[in-house]
C-alpha atoms as a PDB file:
ATOM      1  CA  MET A   1      17.698 -23.209  12.520  1.00  0.00           C
ATOM      2  CA  THR A   2      16.649 -20.329   9.779  1.00  0.00           C
ATOM      3  CA  ALA A   3      17.545 -19.854   5.865  1.00  0.00           C
ATOM      4  CA  SER A   4      18.035 -16.169   6.343  1.00  0.00           C
ATOM      5  CA  ARG A   5      18.631 -14.644  10.032  1.00  0.00           C
ATOM      6  CA  HIS A   6      22.408 -14.278   9.230  1.00  0.00           C
ATOM      7  CA  LEU A   7      21.072 -11.903   6.434  1.00  0.00           C
ATOM      8  CA  VAL A   8      18.569  -9.883   8.448  1.00  0.00           C
ATOM      9  CA  ASP A   9      20.325  -6.289   9.487  1.00  0.00           C
ATOM     10  CA  PRO A  10      21.326  -6.374  13.065  1.00  0.00           C
ATOM     11  CA  GLU A  11      19.147  -3.540  14.103  1.00  0.00           C
ATOM     12  CA  LEU A  12      16.294  -5.339  13.154  1.00  0.00           C
ATOM     13  CA  LEU A  13      16.460  -8.627  14.976  1.00  0.00           C
ATOM     14  CA  PRO A  14      15.085  -7.430  18.304  1.00  0.00           C
ATOM     15  CA  LEU A  15      11.911  -6.524  16.295  1.00  0.00           C
ATOM     16  CA  LEU A  16      12.105 -10.117  14.366  1.00  0.00           C
ATOM     17  CA  ASP A  17      12.204 -11.976  18.043  1.00  0.00           C
ATOM     18  CA  SER A  18       9.225  -9.961  19.344  1.00  0.00           C
ATOM     19  CA  ILE A  19       7.079 -11.304  16.259  1.00  0.00           C
ATOM     20  CA  PRO A  20       6.402 -14.814  16.667  1.00  0.00           C
ATOM     21  CA  PRO A  21       5.801 -17.547  13.771  1.00  0.00           C
ATOM     22  CA  PHE A  22       2.080 -18.270  13.119  1.00  0.00           C
ATOM     23  CA  GLU A  23      -0.042 -19.419  10.686  1.00  0.00           C
ATOM     24  CA  LEU A  24      -2.681 -17.624   8.907  1.00  0.00           C
ATOM     25  CA  THR A  25      -6.559 -18.627   9.046  1.00  0.00           C
ATOM     26  CA  GLU A  26      -9.496 -18.061   9.065  1.00  0.00           C
ATOM     27  CA  ALA A  27      -9.551 -18.648  12.718  1.00  0.00           C
ATOM     28  CA  VAL A  28      -7.129 -16.354  13.818  1.00  0.00           C
ATOM     29  CA  LEU A  29      -8.973 -13.432  11.718  1.00  0.00           C
ATOM     30  CA  PRO A  30     -11.111 -11.964  14.202  1.00  0.00           C
ATOM     31  CA  MET A  31      -7.814 -11.378  16.706  1.00  0.00           C
ATOM     32  CA  MET A  32      -5.867  -9.715  14.083  1.00  0.00           C
ATOM     33  CA  ARG A  33      -8.706  -7.475  13.276  1.00  0.00           C
ATOM     34  CA  SER A  34      -9.449  -6.367  16.543  1.00  0.00           C
ATOM     35  CA  ARG A  35      -5.462  -5.379  17.856  1.00  0.00           C
ATOM     36  CA  PRO A  36      -5.087  -1.943  18.835  1.00  0.00           C
ATOM     37  CA  ALA A  37      -2.568   0.296  16.513  1.00  0.00           C
ATOM     38  CA  ARG A  38       1.159  -0.844  16.323  1.00  0.00           C
ATOM     39  CA  PHE A  39       1.970   2.876  17.541  1.00  0.00           C
ATOM     40  CA  PRO A  40       0.848   5.394  19.307  1.00  0.00           C
ATOM     41  CA  VAL A  41      -0.039   9.034  17.609  1.00  0.00           C
ATOM     42  CA  ALA A  42       2.357  11.841  19.268  1.00  0.00           C
ATOM     43  CA  PRO A  43       0.735  14.677  20.695  1.00  0.00           C
ATOM     44  CA  GLU A  44       2.511  17.334  18.446  1.00  0.00           C
ATOM     45  CA  ASP A  45       0.890  15.496  15.746  1.00  0.00           C
ATOM     46  CA  LEU A  46      -2.464  15.728  16.982  1.00  0.00           C
ATOM     47  CA  GLU A  47      -1.971  19.675  17.515  1.00  0.00           C
ATOM     48  CA  ARG A  48      -0.824  20.179  14.041  1.00  0.00           C
ATOM     49  CA  THR A  49      -3.192  17.790  11.946  1.00  0.00           C
ATOM     50  CA  GLU A  50      -6.813  17.327  11.977  1.00  0.00           C
ATOM     51  CA  MET A  51      -8.690  14.233  10.890  1.00  0.00           C
ATOM     52  CA  THR A  52     -12.128  13.799   9.946  1.00  0.00           C
ATOM     53  CA  THR A  53     -14.424  10.858   8.913  1.00  0.00           C
ATOM     54  CA  ARG A  54     -16.255  10.789   6.395  1.00  0.00           C
ATOM     55  CA  GLN A  55     -18.753   7.823   4.623  1.00  0.00           C
ATOM     56  CA  VAL A  56     -19.238   8.222   0.308  1.00  0.00           C
ATOM     57  CA  PRO A  57     -20.841   6.286  -1.696  1.00  0.00           C
ATOM     58  CA  GLY A  58     -19.796   2.890  -2.837  1.00  0.00           C
ATOM     59  CA  PRO A  59     -19.660   0.787  -5.704  1.00  0.00           C
ATOM     60  CA  ASP A  60     -22.953   0.278  -7.852  1.00  0.00           C
ATOM     61  CA  GLY A  61     -25.151  -2.014  -5.162  1.00  0.00           C
ATOM     62  CA  ALA A  62     -22.641  -1.895  -2.616  1.00  0.00           C
ATOM     63  CA  PRO A  63     -22.354  -0.833   0.738  1.00  0.00           C
ATOM     64  CA  GLU A  64     -21.254   3.375   1.447  1.00  0.00           C
ATOM     65  CA  VAL A  65     -17.004   3.513   1.840  1.00  0.00           C
ATOM     66  CA  GLY A  66     -15.434   4.837   4.598  1.00  0.00           C
ATOM     67  CA  VAL A  67     -12.632   7.238   4.249  1.00  0.00           C
ATOM     68  CA  VAL A  68     -10.721   9.537   6.643  1.00  0.00           C
ATOM     69  CA  ILE A  69      -9.105  12.127   5.686  1.00  0.00           C
ATOM     70  CA  TYR A  70      -6.215  13.969   7.297  1.00  0.00           C
ATOM     71  CA  ARG A  71      -5.216  17.604   7.020  1.00  0.00           C
ATOM     72  CA  PRO A  72      -2.609  19.990   8.317  1.00  0.00           C
ATOM     73  CA  LYS A  73      -4.080  22.368  10.747  1.00  0.00           C
ATOM     74  CA  GLY A  74      -4.598  25.835   9.505  1.00  0.00           C
ATOM     75  CA  ALA A  75      -3.752  24.915   5.713  1.00  0.00           C
ATOM     76  CA  THR A  76      -5.271  27.146   3.009  1.00  0.00           C
ATOM     77  CA  GLY A  77      -5.403  26.817  -0.783  1.00  0.00           C
ATOM     78  CA  PRO A  78      -5.627  23.572  -2.969  1.00  0.00           C
ATOM     79  CA  LEU A  79      -3.400  20.957  -1.200  1.00  0.00           C
ATOM     80  CA  PRO A  80      -1.627  17.828  -2.943  1.00  0.00           C
ATOM     81  CA  CYS A  81      -3.398  14.493  -2.005  1.00  0.00           C
ATOM     82  CA  ILE A  82      -2.335  11.324  -1.071  1.00  0.00           C
ATOM     83  CA  PHE A  83      -5.138   8.503  -1.415  1.00  0.00           C
ATOM     84  CA  HIS A  84      -3.634   5.719   0.917  1.00  0.00           C
ATOM     85  CA  ILE A  85      -4.735   1.997   1.105  1.00  0.00           C
ATOM     86  CA  HIS A  86      -3.853  -0.073   3.965  1.00  0.00           C
ATOM     87  CA  GLY A  87      -1.991  -3.310   4.132  1.00  0.00           C
ATOM     88  CA  GLY A  88      -2.628  -6.605   5.951  1.00  0.00           C
ATOM     89  CA  GLY A  89      -2.787  -9.321   3.028  1.00  0.00           C
ATOM     90  CA  TYR A  90      -5.810  -8.387   1.978  1.00  0.00           C
ATOM     91  CA  VAL A  91      -7.603  -9.975   4.854  1.00  0.00           C
ATOM     92  CA  THR A  92      -6.812  -7.480   7.828  1.00  0.00           C
ATOM     93  CA  GLY A  93      -5.908  -4.010   8.632  1.00  0.00           C
ATOM     94  CA  SER A  94      -8.430  -0.658   8.637  1.00  0.00           C
ATOM     95  CA  ALA A  95      -8.033   3.213   7.439  1.00  0.00           C
ATOM     96  CA  THR A  96      -7.359   4.084  10.451  1.00  0.00           C
ATOM     97  CA  GLY A  97      -4.398   1.745  11.116  1.00  0.00           C
ATOM     98  CA  ASN A  98      -1.769   4.423  10.007  1.00  0.00           C
ATOM     99  CA  GLU A  99      -2.920   7.524  12.004  1.00  0.00           C
ATOM    100  CA  ALA A 100       0.528   7.419  13.575  1.00  0.00           C
ATOM    101  CA  ALA A 101       2.228   8.344  10.097  1.00  0.00           C
ATOM    102  CA  HIS A 102      -0.510   9.918   8.665  1.00  0.00           C
ATOM    103  CA  ARG A 103      -0.564  12.995  11.018  1.00  0.00           C
ATOM    104  CA  PRO A 104       2.968  14.074  10.646  1.00  0.00           C
ATOM    105  CA  MET A 105       3.565  12.910   7.169  1.00  0.00           C
ATOM    106  CA  ALA A 106       0.316  15.368   5.997  1.00  0.00           C
ATOM    107  CA  ALA A 107       2.068  17.945   8.444  1.00  0.00           C
ATOM    108  CA  GLU A 108       5.391  17.506   7.154  1.00  0.00           C
ATOM    109  CA  LEU A 109       4.464  17.074   3.113  1.00  0.00           C
ATOM    110  CA  GLY A 110       1.795  19.628   3.809  1.00  0.00           C
ATOM    111  CA  CYS A 111      -0.638  17.534   1.825  1.00  0.00           C
ATOM    112  CA  CYS A 112      -3.995  16.097   2.379  1.00  0.00           C
ATOM    113  CA  ILE A 113      -4.228  12.582   2.819  1.00  0.00           C
ATOM    114  CA  VAL A 114      -7.346  10.487   2.304  1.00  0.00           C
ATOM    115  CA  SER A 115      -7.205   6.992   3.802  1.00  0.00           C
ATOM    116  CA  VAL A 116      -9.883   3.856   2.252  1.00  0.00           C
ATOM    117  CA  GLU A 117     -11.515   1.305   4.436  1.00  0.00           C
ATOM    118  CA  TYR A 118     -12.234  -0.969   1.835  1.00  0.00           C
ATOM    119  CA  ARG A 119     -13.857  -4.104   2.183  1.00  0.00           C
ATOM    120  CA  LEU A 120     -11.381  -6.950   3.575  1.00  0.00           C
ATOM    121  CA  ALA A 121     -11.745 -10.528   2.068  1.00  0.00           C
ATOM    122  CA  PRO A 122     -12.861 -13.053   2.300  1.00  0.00           C
ATOM    123  CA  GLU A 123     -16.225 -11.759   3.338  1.00  0.00           C
ATOM    124  CA  THR A 124     -15.736  -9.816   0.327  1.00  0.00           C
ATOM    125  CA  ARG A 125     -14.134 -11.388  -2.647  1.00  0.00           C
ATOM    126  CA  PHE A 126     -12.268  -9.915  -5.824  1.00  0.00           C
ATOM    127  CA  PRO A 127     -13.432  -6.751  -7.079  1.00  0.00           C
ATOM    128  CA  GLY A 128     -15.245  -6.080  -4.088  1.00  0.00           C
ATOM    129  CA  ALA A 129     -12.385  -4.224  -2.429  1.00  0.00           C
ATOM    130  CA  ILE A 130     -10.793  -2.602  -5.743  1.00  0.00           C
ATOM    131  CA  GLU A 131     -14.059  -0.923  -6.874  1.00  0.00           C
ATOM    132  CA  ASP A 132     -14.365   0.148  -2.672  1.00  0.00           C
ATOM    133  CA  CYS A 133     -10.676   2.354  -3.590  1.00  0.00           C
ATOM    134  CA  TYR A 134     -12.217   2.951  -6.964  1.00  0.00           C
ATOM    135  CA  ALA A 135     -15.422   4.818  -6.080  1.00  0.00           C
ATOM    136  CA  ALA A 136     -13.571   6.381  -3.019  1.00  0.00           C
ATOM    137  CA  LEU A 137     -11.056   7.711  -5.253  1.00  0.00           C
ATOM    138  CA  GLY A 138     -13.711   8.827  -7.559  1.00  0.00           C
ATOM    139  CA  TRP A 139     -15.109  10.869  -4.724  1.00  0.00           C
ATOM    140  CA  VAL A 140     -11.565  12.640  -3.618  1.00  0.00           C
ATOM    141  CA  PHE A 141     -11.974  14.013  -7.455  1.00  0.00           C
ATOM    142  CA  ALA A 142     -15.684  14.919  -7.028  1.00  0.00           C
ATOM    143  CA  GLN A 143     -15.332  16.633  -4.149  1.00  0.00           C
ATOM    144  CA  ALA A 144     -11.409  18.190  -4.565  1.00  0.00           C
ATOM    145  CA  GLY A 145     -13.211  21.918  -4.124  1.00  0.00           C
ATOM    146  CA  GLU A 146     -14.791  20.912  -0.699  1.00  0.00           C
ATOM    147  CA  LEU A 147     -11.819  18.913   0.140  1.00  0.00           C
ATOM    148  CA  GLY A 148      -9.378  21.763  -0.649  1.00  0.00           C
ATOM    149  CA  VAL A 149      -7.678  19.571  -2.914  1.00  0.00           C
ATOM    150  CA  ASP A 150      -5.733  20.416  -6.283  1.00  0.00           C
ATOM    151  CA  PRO A 151      -6.738  17.034  -8.567  1.00  0.00           C
ATOM    152  CA  ALA A 152      -3.834  17.506 -10.630  1.00  0.00           C
ATOM    153  CA  ARG A 153      -2.407  16.555  -7.713  1.00  0.00           C
ATOM    154  CA  VAL A 154      -3.628  13.773  -6.532  1.00  0.00           C
ATOM    155  CA  GLY A 155      -1.595  10.422  -6.229  1.00  0.00           C
ATOM    156  CA  ILE A 156      -1.668   6.373  -4.832  1.00  0.00           C
ATOM    157  CA  MET A 157       0.224   5.166  -2.247  1.00  0.00           C
ATOM    158  CA  GLY A 158      -0.131   1.257  -0.369  1.00  0.00           C
ATOM    159  CA  GLU A 159       1.859  -1.072   1.744  1.00  0.00           C
ATOM    160  CA  SER A 160       1.738  -4.698   1.347  1.00  0.00           C
ATOM    161  CA  ALA A 161      -1.685  -5.439  -0.073  1.00  0.00           C
ATOM    162  CA  GLY A 162      -2.486  -1.826   0.006  1.00  0.00           C
ATOM    163  CA  GLY A 163       0.473  -1.628  -2.637  1.00  0.00           C
ATOM    164  CA  GLY A 164      -1.117  -3.989  -4.709  1.00  0.00           C
ATOM    165  CA  LEU A 165      -4.372  -2.434  -4.496  1.00  0.00           C
ATOM    166  CA  ALA A 166      -2.771   0.786  -5.469  1.00  0.00           C
ATOM    167  CA  ALA A 167      -0.830  -0.709  -8.531  1.00  0.00           C
ATOM    168  CA  ALA A 168      -4.243  -2.394  -9.660  1.00  0.00           C
ATOM    169  CA  LEU A 169      -5.681   1.136  -8.846  1.00  0.00           C
ATOM    170  CA  ALA A 170      -3.530   2.651 -11.399  1.00  0.00           C
ATOM    171  CA  LEU A 171      -4.608   0.156 -13.924  1.00  0.00           C
ATOM    172  CA  LEU A 172      -7.774   0.887 -14.077  1.00  0.00           C
ATOM    173  CA  VAL A 173      -7.796   4.795 -13.790  1.00  0.00           C
ATOM    174  CA  ARG A 174      -6.046   4.213 -16.641  1.00  0.00           C
ATOM    175  CA  ASP A 175      -8.013   1.942 -18.307  1.00  0.00           C
ATOM    176  CA  ARG A 176     -11.354   3.765 -17.556  1.00  0.00           C
ATOM    177  CA  ALA A 177      -9.834   7.050 -18.021  1.00  0.00           C
ATOM    178  CA  ASP A 178     -12.300   8.960 -15.723  1.00  0.00           C
ATOM    179  CA  TYR A 179      -9.459  11.386 -14.178  1.00  0.00           C
ATOM    180  CA  SER A 180      -5.478  10.820 -14.024  1.00  0.00           C
ATOM    181  CA  LEU A 181      -3.184  10.148 -10.904  1.00  0.00           C
ATOM    182  CA  ALA A 182       0.140  12.384 -10.618  1.00  0.00           C
ATOM    183  CA  PHE A 183       2.125   9.368  -9.185  1.00  0.00           C
ATOM    184  CA  GLN A 184       1.799   5.987  -7.314  1.00  0.00           C
ATOM    185  CA  HIS A 185       3.618   5.268  -4.439  1.00  0.00           C
ATOM    186  CA  LEU A 186       4.206   1.146  -3.676  1.00  0.00           C
ATOM    187  CA  ILE A 187       5.716  -0.315  -1.060  1.00  0.00           C
ATOM    188  CA  TYR A 188       6.516  -3.634  -1.169  1.00  0.00           C
ATOM    189  CA  PRO A 189       3.643  -4.003  -3.131  1.00  0.00           C
ATOM    190  CA  MET A 190       1.562  -7.637  -3.189  1.00  0.00           C
ATOM    191  CA  ILE A 191       0.970  -7.417  -6.657  1.00  0.00           C
ATOM    192  CA  ASP A 192       1.390 -11.160  -8.082  1.00  0.00           C
ATOM    193  CA  ASP A 193      -0.981 -14.125  -7.135  1.00  0.00           C
ATOM    194  CA  ARG A 194       1.552 -16.715  -8.912  1.00  0.00           C
ATOM    195  CA  THR A 195       4.211 -16.352  -6.275  1.00  0.00           C
ATOM    196  CA  CYS A 196       2.488 -18.700  -4.661  1.00  0.00           C
ATOM    197  CA  VAL A 197       3.047 -21.456  -7.054  1.00  0.00           C
ATOM    198  CA  THR A 198       6.025 -20.567  -8.409  1.00  0.00           C
ATOM    199  CA  ALA A 199       8.149 -23.636  -9.386  1.00  0.00           C
ATOM    200  CA  ASP A 200      12.035 -21.632  -8.407  1.00  0.00           C
ATOM    201  CA  PRO A 201      11.077 -19.908  -4.722  1.00  0.00           C
ATOM    202  CA  HIS A 202      13.714 -17.153  -3.771  1.00  0.00           C
ATOM    203  CA  PRO A 203      15.890 -19.367  -1.263  1.00  0.00           C
ATOM    204  CA  TYR A 204      16.293 -16.441   1.155  1.00  0.00           C
ATOM    205  CA  ALA A 205      13.223 -13.766   0.886  1.00  0.00           C
ATOM    206  CA  GLY A 206       9.853 -14.905   2.301  1.00  0.00           C
ATOM    207  CA  GLU A 207      10.758 -16.567   5.730  1.00  0.00           C
ATOM    208  CA  PHE A 208       9.686 -13.911   8.199  1.00  0.00           C
ATOM    209  CA  VAL A 209       6.558 -11.981   8.964  1.00  0.00           C
ATOM    210  CA  TRP A 210       4.851 -12.537   5.666  1.00  0.00           C
ATOM    211  CA  THR A 211       5.536 -16.461   4.947  1.00  0.00           C
ATOM    212  CA  PRO A 212       4.271 -18.274   1.708  1.00  0.00           C
ATOM    213  CA  GLN A 213       1.643 -19.533   4.065  1.00  0.00           C
ATOM    214  CA  ALA A 214       0.338 -16.294   4.575  1.00  0.00           C
ATOM    215  CA  ASN A 215       0.705 -15.459   1.084  1.00  0.00           C
ATOM    216  CA  GLN A 216      -1.371 -18.372   0.036  1.00  0.00           C
ATOM    217  CA  PHE A 217      -4.132 -17.488   2.251  1.00  0.00           C
ATOM    218  CA  GLY A 218      -3.908 -13.817   1.444  1.00  0.00           C
ATOM    219  CA  TRP A 219      -4.287 -14.307  -2.395  1.00  0.00           C
ATOM    220  CA  ALA A 220      -7.052 -17.266  -2.270  1.00  0.00           C
ATOM    221  CA  SER A 221      -9.348 -14.953   0.569  1.00  0.00           C
ATOM    222  CA  LEU A 222      -9.134 -12.355  -2.233  1.00  0.00           C
ATOM    223  CA  LEU A 223      -9.802 -14.327  -5.208  1.00  0.00           C
ATOM    224  CA  GLY A 224     -11.987 -16.972  -3.900  1.00  0.00           C
ATOM    225  CA  ALA A 225      -9.685 -19.566  -5.565  1.00  0.00           C
ATOM    226  CA  ALA A 226      -6.225 -21.213  -5.460  1.00  0.00           C
ATOM    227  CA  PRO A 227      -3.775 -18.640  -6.957  1.00  0.00           C
ATOM    228  CA  GLY A 228      -2.044 -19.105 -10.056  1.00  0.00           C
ATOM    229  CA  GLY A 229      -4.267 -20.248 -11.866  1.00  0.00           C
ATOM    230  CA  GLU A 230      -5.811 -19.092 -15.269  1.00  0.00           C
ATOM    231  CA  GLY A 231      -7.263 -15.933 -16.054  1.00  0.00           C
ATOM    232  CA  VAL A 232      -6.627 -14.008 -13.047  1.00  0.00           C
ATOM    233  CA  SER A 233      -7.532 -10.252 -13.692  1.00  0.00           C
ATOM    234  CA  PRO A 234      -4.909  -7.395 -13.340  1.00  0.00           C
ATOM    235  CA  TYR A 235      -7.217  -5.639 -10.995  1.00  0.00           C
ATOM    236  CA  ALA A 236      -6.662  -8.291  -8.676  1.00  0.00           C
ATOM    237  CA  ALA A 237      -2.996  -9.157  -9.458  1.00  0.00           C
ATOM    238  CA  ALA A 238      -1.353  -5.875 -11.301  1.00  0.00           C
ATOM    239  CA  ALA A 239       1.700  -8.236 -12.245  1.00  0.00           C
ATOM    240  CA  ARG A 240      -0.761 -10.026 -14.400  1.00  0.00           C
ATOM    241  CA  ALA A 241      -1.405  -6.451 -16.719  1.00  0.00           C
ATOM    242  CA  GLU A 242      -0.298  -7.281 -20.424  1.00  0.00           C
ATOM    243  CA  ARG A 243       0.346  -3.616 -20.621  1.00  0.00           C
ATOM    244  CA  LEU A 244       1.924  -1.419 -18.315  1.00  0.00           C
ATOM    245  CA  ASP A 245       2.328   1.825 -20.438  1.00  0.00           C
ATOM    246  CA  GLY A 246       0.351   4.541 -19.909  1.00  0.00           C
ATOM    247  CA  LEU A 247       0.779   4.696 -15.944  1.00  0.00           C
ATOM    248  CA  PRO A 248       1.864   7.473 -13.666  1.00  0.00           C
ATOM    249  CA  PRO A 249       5.641   8.181 -12.475  1.00  0.00           C
ATOM    250  CA  THR A 250       6.342   5.473  -9.669  1.00  0.00           C
ATOM    251  CA  TYR A 251       8.098   4.711  -6.477  1.00  0.00           C
ATOM    252  CA  ILE A 252       9.017   0.902  -5.542  1.00  0.00           C
ATOM    253  CA  ALA A 253      10.810  -0.204  -2.294  1.00  0.00           C
ATOM    254  CA  THR A 254      10.958  -3.737  -0.955  1.00  0.00           C
ATOM    255  CA  GLY A 255      13.346  -5.347   1.281  1.00  0.00           C
ATOM    256  CA  SER A 256      16.135  -7.934   0.262  1.00  0.00           C
ATOM    257  CA  LEU A 257      14.191 -10.862   2.527  1.00  0.00           C
ATOM    258  CA  ASP A 258      11.261  -9.287   1.226  1.00  0.00           C
ATOM    259  CA  LEU A 259       8.459 -12.142   0.097  1.00  0.00           C
ATOM    260  CA  PHE A 260       7.591  -9.866  -2.714  1.00  0.00           C
ATOM    261  CA  LEU A 261      11.329  -8.921  -3.540  1.00  0.00           C
ATOM    262  CA  GLU A 262      11.137 -10.497  -7.115  1.00  0.00           C
ATOM    263  CA  GLU A 263       7.451  -9.452  -8.350  1.00  0.00           C
ATOM    264  CA  ASP A 264       8.350  -6.165  -7.463  1.00  0.00           C
ATOM    265  CA  LEU A 265      11.742  -6.331  -9.083  1.00  0.00           C
ATOM    266  CA  ALA A 266      10.090  -7.370 -12.485  1.00  0.00           C
ATOM    267  CA  TYR A 267       7.587  -5.036 -11.908  1.00  0.00           C
ATOM    268  CA  ALA A 268       9.850  -2.284 -11.916  1.00  0.00           C
ATOM    269  CA  GLN A 269      11.782  -3.730 -14.874  1.00  0.00           C
ATOM    270  CA  ARG A 270       8.428  -3.900 -17.007  1.00  0.00           C
ATOM    271  CA  LEU A 271       7.349  -0.523 -15.647  1.00  0.00           C
ATOM    272  CA  LEU A 272      10.473   0.732 -17.482  1.00  0.00           C
ATOM    273  CA  ARG A 273      10.460  -0.924 -20.470  1.00  0.00           C
ATOM    274  CA  ALA A 274       7.257   0.275 -20.907  1.00  0.00           C
ATOM    275  CA  GLY A 275       8.414   4.404 -20.399  1.00  0.00           C
ATOM    276  CA  VAL A 276       7.156   4.526 -17.297  1.00  0.00           C
ATOM    277  CA  PRO A 277       9.613   6.775 -14.788  1.00  0.00           C
ATOM    278  CA  VAL A 278      10.110   4.533 -12.148  1.00  0.00           C
ATOM    279  CA  GLU A 279      12.264   4.825  -8.613  1.00  0.00           C
ATOM    280  CA  LEU A 280      13.254   1.707  -7.274  1.00  0.00           C
ATOM    281  CA  HIS A 281      14.863   0.872  -3.487  1.00  0.00           C
ATOM    282  CA  VAL A 282      15.745  -2.267  -2.095  1.00  0.00           C
ATOM    283  CA  TYR A 283      16.842  -2.477   1.569  1.00  0.00           C
ATOM    284  CA  PRO A 284      19.386  -4.622   2.323  1.00  0.00           C
ATOM    285  CA  GLY A 285      18.721  -7.293   5.148  1.00  0.00           C
ATOM    286  CA  ALA A 286      15.072  -6.035   5.670  1.00  0.00           C
ATOM    287  CA  PHE A 287      12.150  -8.376   5.766  1.00  0.00           C
ATOM    288  CA  HIS A 288       8.389  -7.735   5.364  1.00  0.00           C
ATOM    289  CA  GLY A 289       7.104  -4.919   8.103  1.00  0.00           C
ATOM    290  CA  PHE A 290      10.617  -3.720   8.935  1.00  0.00           C
ATOM    291  CA  GLN A 291       9.689  -0.288   9.509  1.00  0.00           C
ATOM    292  CA  TRP A 292       7.547  -1.460  12.400  1.00  0.00           C
ATOM    293  CA  ALA A 293      11.219  -0.941  14.200  1.00  0.00           C
ATOM    294  CA  PRO A 294      11.203   2.714  12.830  1.00  0.00           C
ATOM    295  CA  ASP A 295      14.454   3.865  14.841  1.00  0.00           C
ATOM    296  CA  ALA A 296      16.283   1.459  12.698  1.00  0.00           C
ATOM    297  CA  GLY A 297      18.915   2.713  10.484  1.00  0.00           C
ATOM    298  CA  VAL A 298      17.591   1.111   7.588  1.00  0.00           C
ATOM    299  CA  SER A 299      14.306   2.292   8.982  1.00  0.00           C
ATOM    300  CA  ARG A 300      14.982   5.524   8.945  1.00  0.00           C
ATOM    301  CA  ILE A 301      16.420   5.568   5.585  1.00  0.00           C
ATOM    302  CA  ALA A 302      13.334   3.899   4.203  1.00  0.00           C
ATOM    303  CA  ALA A 303      11.255   6.895   5.590  1.00  0.00           C
ATOM    304  CA  ARG A 304      13.569   9.534   4.447  1.00  0.00           C
ATOM    305  CA  ASP A 305      13.264   7.995   1.209  1.00  0.00           C
ATOM    306  CA  THR A 306       9.629   7.928   0.411  1.00  0.00           C
ATOM    307  CA  ARG A 307       9.306  11.196   2.277  1.00  0.00           C
ATOM    308  CA  ALA A 308      11.781  12.494  -0.187  1.00  0.00           C
ATOM    309  CA  ALA A 309       9.756  10.690  -3.095  1.00  0.00           C
ATOM    310  CA  LEU A 310       6.162  11.993  -2.223  1.00  0.00           C
ATOM    311  CA  ALA A 311       7.557  15.889  -1.843  1.00  0.00           C
ATOM    312  CA  LYS A 312       8.909  15.441  -5.476  1.00  0.00           C
ATOM    313  CA  ALA A 313       6.155  13.716  -7.050  1.00  0.00           C
ATOM    314  CA  MET A 314       3.751  16.856  -5.391  1.00  0.00           C
ATOM    315  CA  ALA A 315       5.997  19.284  -6.763  1.00  0.00           C
ATOM    316  CA  GLN A 316       6.146  17.676 -10.497  1.00  0.00           C
ATOM    317  CA  ALA A 317       2.314  17.458 -10.059  1.00  0.00           C
ATOM    318  CA  ALA A 318       2.137  21.062  -9.621  1.00  0.00           C
ATOM    319  CA  ARG A 319       4.475  22.203 -12.501  1.00  0.00           C
ATOM    320  CA  GLY A 320       2.548  20.183 -14.843  1.00  0.00           C
END
């Protein structure tokens, strides 16, 4: 028996039934990392976009960082840019894993998308991944002319752990003050290690896909220590930040059954109290990764909302 299955959107139940329960451990990481992309790239998206890969300078003393760049074919003039950070609980995923989504997004929004291949935990602990992202983002700004990117319209986006890295990156960009971001777009971001040790867990959130066990493993892998302790950097867990003022306009979306529901709601509330413009969406009956059922009504609505928000953010940045 499950506690929350009756709350799942009926259109998402086939997806839920296709994902067997599993325990996330180091032993299963090689299998997870070798899985092919969930969705194939549509032929028409191959025709209307171009993809290139580069190796760019990494953090001091660290290896180069891979980036994957998508552009609409034939695009001219400086384009807005989405700097994308993939998800995977900090322990899996790849920069090319979202190609089927990134190609049509680049074409339909008329933008450049740069996806970063940051180093994964547990092989690389904090701050390796966030410094990889910062180095790659710095390269985008430094090479904006070559890339055909408008530096005034660069924003960051990520899902799950990628959303957590994006939120942490926004803090790092604010604090180092080397350049500025037009927006941050966070899809069920993984931002608070203290969710692992809360004394009052949500009775219905987090039962499916990304579970408390997986969350414990992901955070411990990133931090190299048990989550929930003292002294965790906000550049590892953005919810730990004492100040949220000065961050770019923010989009946050999550599902009502997602383990990250309450940490995401709390972050949105704190951002609003800090004077940061926030657009917040909570999708009823949706669990972590619900967009893997792209034809479900709730997934279509979420996709519509995210495209509209990205288009709006890039248009507002163009107006200054």
